[in-house]
Amino acid sequence: MIQYLAVAQQLIKKFKSGKLTQIPREQNSQADALADLGSALETNSKMSILFSCFNGQLPWRNAR
C-alpha cells in the first residue's frame, strides 16, 4: 500500500488543491478489497475492472 500512497502523492501535486488521507486497512474494507484486486493484476495490464457499490457496501460482502 505504501507504493500506492507514493504514486497518489505524486499525482495529487498536479491539481491546484487536494487532500490525501490514508485510512488503515482494517477501517476500510472497500479500499482493502480494491487494493487486493489491483495488486493481483499485472502492472502492464490494460484491463478495466467494473464494480458496483450500493449503500456504501460491496454487493458480495452481503450476499447470502
N, C-alpha and C. Protein backbone atom coordinates (compact mmCIF):
# COMPACT_ATOMS: atom_id res chain seq x y z
N MET A 1 0.83 -1.19 0.00
CA MET A 1 0.00 0.00 0.00
C MET A 1 0.87 1.26 0.00
N ILE A 2 2.06 1.16 0.53
CA ILE A 2 2.96 2.31 0.55
C ILE A 2 3.30 2.76 -0.87
N GLN A 3 3.42 1.81 -1.80
CA GLN A 3 3.71 2.15 -3.19
C GLN A 3 2.56 2.96 -3.79
N TYR A 4 1.32 2.56 -3.49
CA TYR A 4 0.16 3.29 -4.00
C TYR A 4 0.11 4.70 -3.41
N LEU A 5 0.45 4.82 -2.14
CA LEU A 5 0.45 6.12 -1.48
C LEU A 5 1.46 7.05 -2.15
N ALA A 6 2.64 6.54 -2.46
CA ALA A 6 3.66 7.36 -3.11
C ALA A 6 3.20 7.83 -4.49
N VAL A 7 2.57 6.95 -5.25
CA VAL A 7 2.05 7.34 -6.57
C VAL A 7 0.95 8.38 -6.41
N ALA A 8 0.04 8.16 -5.48
CA ALA A 8 -1.06 9.10 -5.25
C ALA A 8 -0.52 10.47 -4.83
N GLN A 9 0.51 10.50 -4.01
CA GLN A 9 1.09 11.77 -3.58
C GLN A 9 1.69 12.52 -4.77
N GLN A 10 2.30 11.82 -5.70
CA GLN A 10 2.84 12.47 -6.89
C GLN A 10 1.73 12.99 -7.79
N LEU A 11 0.68 12.19 -7.96
CA LEU A 11 -0.44 12.60 -8.82
C LEU A 11 -1.19 13.80 -8.26
N ILE A 12 -1.35 13.87 -6.96
CA ILE A 12 -2.13 14.96 -6.36
C ILE A 12 -1.42 16.30 -6.52
N LYS A 13 -0.12 16.28 -6.74
CA LYS A 13 0.63 17.52 -6.96
C LYS A 13 0.24 18.19 -8.27
N LYS A 14 -0.40 17.45 -9.18
CA LYS A 14 -0.80 18.00 -10.47
C LYS A 14 -2.08 18.83 -10.39
N PHE A 15 -2.76 18.78 -9.24
CA PHE A 15 -4.00 19.53 -9.06
C PHE A 15 -3.73 20.83 -8.30
N LYS A 16 -4.61 21.80 -8.45
CA LYS A 16 -4.46 23.07 -7.73
C LYS A 16 -4.54 22.85 -6.23
N SER A 17 -5.45 22.02 -5.81
CA SER A 17 -5.57 21.70 -4.39
C SER A 17 -6.08 20.28 -4.25
N GLY A 18 -5.84 19.70 -3.12
CA GLY A 18 -6.30 18.34 -2.88
C GLY A 18 -5.86 17.87 -1.52
N LYS A 19 -6.46 16.82 -1.09
CA LYS A 19 -6.13 16.25 0.21
C LYS A 19 -6.11 14.73 0.08
N LEU A 20 -5.12 14.13 0.64
CA LEU A 20 -4.98 12.68 0.59
C LEU A 20 -4.93 12.19 2.03
N THR A 21 -5.84 11.30 2.36
CA THR A 21 -5.90 10.75 3.71
C THR A 21 -5.74 9.24 3.63
N GLN A 22 -4.78 8.72 4.35
CA GLN A 22 -4.59 7.28 4.38
C GLN A 22 -5.42 6.70 5.52
N ILE A 23 -6.29 5.75 5.18
CA ILE A 23 -7.15 5.11 6.18
C ILE A 23 -6.61 3.70 6.39
N PRO A 24 -6.40 3.31 7.64
CA PRO A 24 -5.89 1.97 7.90
C PRO A 24 -6.79 0.90 7.28
N ARG A 25 -6.18 -0.14 6.77
CA ARG A 25 -6.87 -1.23 6.07
C ARG A 25 -8.04 -1.78 6.87
N GLU A 26 -7.85 -1.98 8.16
CA GLU A 26 -8.90 -2.59 8.98
C GLU A 26 -10.11 -1.67 9.16
N GLN A 27 -9.97 -0.39 8.81
CA GLN A 27 -11.07 0.56 8.93
C GLN A 27 -11.77 0.82 7.60
N ASN A 28 -11.29 0.22 6.52
CA ASN A 28 -11.90 0.49 5.23
C ASN A 28 -11.86 -0.77 4.36
N SER A 29 -12.85 -1.62 4.53
CA SER A 29 -12.86 -2.91 3.83
C SER A 29 -13.01 -2.75 2.32
N GLN A 30 -13.69 -1.69 1.86
CA GLN A 30 -13.83 -1.48 0.42
C GLN A 30 -12.49 -1.15 -0.22
N ALA A 31 -11.76 -0.24 0.39
CA ALA A 31 -10.44 0.12 -0.14
C ALA A 31 -9.51 -1.08 -0.08
N ASP A 32 -9.63 -1.87 0.97
CA ASP A 32 -8.81 -3.07 1.11
C ASP A 32 -9.09 -4.05 -0.03
N ALA A 33 -10.37 -4.26 -0.34
CA ALA A 33 -10.74 -5.17 -1.43
C ALA A 33 -10.22 -4.67 -2.77
N LEU A 34 -10.32 -3.37 -3.02
CA LEU A 34 -9.83 -2.80 -4.28
C LEU A 34 -8.31 -2.86 -4.36
N ALA A 35 -7.63 -2.63 -3.24
CA ALA A 35 -6.17 -2.71 -3.22
C ALA A 35 -5.71 -4.14 -3.52
N ASP A 36 -6.39 -5.12 -2.93
CA ASP A 36 -6.06 -6.52 -3.20
C ASP A 36 -6.27 -6.86 -4.67
N LEU A 37 -7.36 -6.38 -5.22
CA LEU A 37 -7.66 -6.62 -6.63
C LEU A 37 -6.61 -5.98 -7.53
N GLY A 38 -6.26 -4.74 -7.24
CA GLY A 38 -5.25 -4.04 -8.02
C GLY A 38 -3.89 -4.70 -7.94
N SER A 39 -3.54 -5.21 -6.77
CA SER A 39 -2.25 -5.87 -6.59
C SER A 39 -2.17 -7.18 -7.35
N ALA A 40 -3.32 -7.81 -7.59
CA ALA A 40 -3.34 -9.10 -8.27
C ALA A 40 -3.14 -8.95 -9.78
N LEU A 41 -3.35 -7.76 -10.31
CA LEU A 41 -3.21 -7.53 -11.75
C LEU A 41 -1.76 -7.30 -12.13
N GLU A 42 -1.42 -7.65 -13.35
CA GLU A 42 -0.10 -7.34 -13.86
C GLU A 42 0.02 -5.84 -14.03
N THR A 43 1.19 -5.29 -13.77
CA THR A 43 1.36 -3.84 -13.83
C THR A 43 1.23 -3.30 -15.24
N ASN A 44 1.48 -4.11 -16.26
CA ASN A 44 1.37 -3.62 -17.63
C ASN A 44 0.01 -3.96 -18.25
N SER A 45 -0.91 -4.43 -17.44
CA SER A 45 -2.23 -4.80 -17.92
C SER A 45 -3.05 -3.56 -18.28
N LYS A 46 -3.79 -3.65 -19.37
CA LYS A 46 -4.66 -2.55 -19.78
C LYS A 46 -6.13 -2.92 -19.54
N MET A 47 -6.34 -3.91 -18.70
CA MET A 47 -7.68 -4.40 -18.41
C MET A 47 -8.40 -3.44 -17.47
N SER A 48 -9.69 -3.23 -17.73
CA SER A 48 -10.53 -2.42 -16.85
C SER A 48 -11.37 -3.34 -15.98
N ILE A 49 -11.65 -2.90 -14.78
CA ILE A 49 -12.47 -3.67 -13.86
C ILE A 49 -13.66 -2.82 -13.47
N LEU A 50 -14.85 -3.36 -13.65
CA LEU A 50 -16.07 -2.66 -13.31
C LEU A 50 -16.63 -3.27 -12.03
N PHE A 51 -16.96 -2.44 -11.07
CA PHE A 51 -17.59 -2.93 -9.85
C PHE A 51 -18.69 -1.96 -9.46
N SER A 52 -19.66 -2.47 -8.75
CA SER A 52 -20.78 -1.65 -8.29
C SER A 52 -20.77 -1.60 -6.77
N CYS A 53 -21.13 -0.47 -6.23
CA CYS A 53 -21.18 -0.28 -4.79
C CYS A 53 -22.56 0.27 -4.45
N PHE A 54 -23.28 -0.40 -3.57
CA PHE A 54 -24.63 0.00 -3.20
C PHE A 54 -24.69 0.32 -1.71
N ASN A 55 -25.23 1.48 -1.39
CA ASN A 55 -25.37 1.89 0.01
C ASN A 55 -24.05 1.78 0.78
N GLY A 56 -22.96 2.09 0.11
CA GLY A 56 -21.67 2.06 0.77
C GLY A 56 -21.12 0.67 1.02
N GLN A 57 -21.76 -0.36 0.47
CA GLN A 57 -21.31 -1.73 0.68
C GLN A 57 -21.01 -2.39 -0.66
N LEU A 58 -20.02 -3.23 -0.69
CA LEU A 58 -19.76 -4.03 -1.88
C LEU A 58 -20.79 -5.15 -1.90
N PRO A 59 -21.46 -5.37 -3.04
CA PRO A 59 -22.57 -6.33 -3.09
C PRO A 59 -22.24 -7.73 -2.58
N TRP A 60 -21.06 -8.27 -2.89
CA TRP A 60 -20.78 -9.64 -2.50
C TRP A 60 -20.50 -9.78 -1.01
N ARG A 61 -20.20 -8.69 -0.33
CA ARG A 61 -19.96 -8.76 1.11
C ARG A 61 -21.24 -9.11 1.88
N ASN A 62 -22.40 -8.78 1.32
CA ASN A 62 -23.67 -9.02 1.98
C ASN A 62 -24.44 -10.19 1.37
N ALA A 63 -23.85 -10.85 0.38
CA ALA A 63 -24.54 -11.96 -0.28
C ALA A 63 -24.69 -13.14 0.68
N ARG A 64 -25.82 -13.83 0.55
CA ARG A 64 -26.05 -14.99 1.42
C ARG A 64 -26.01 -16.27 0.64
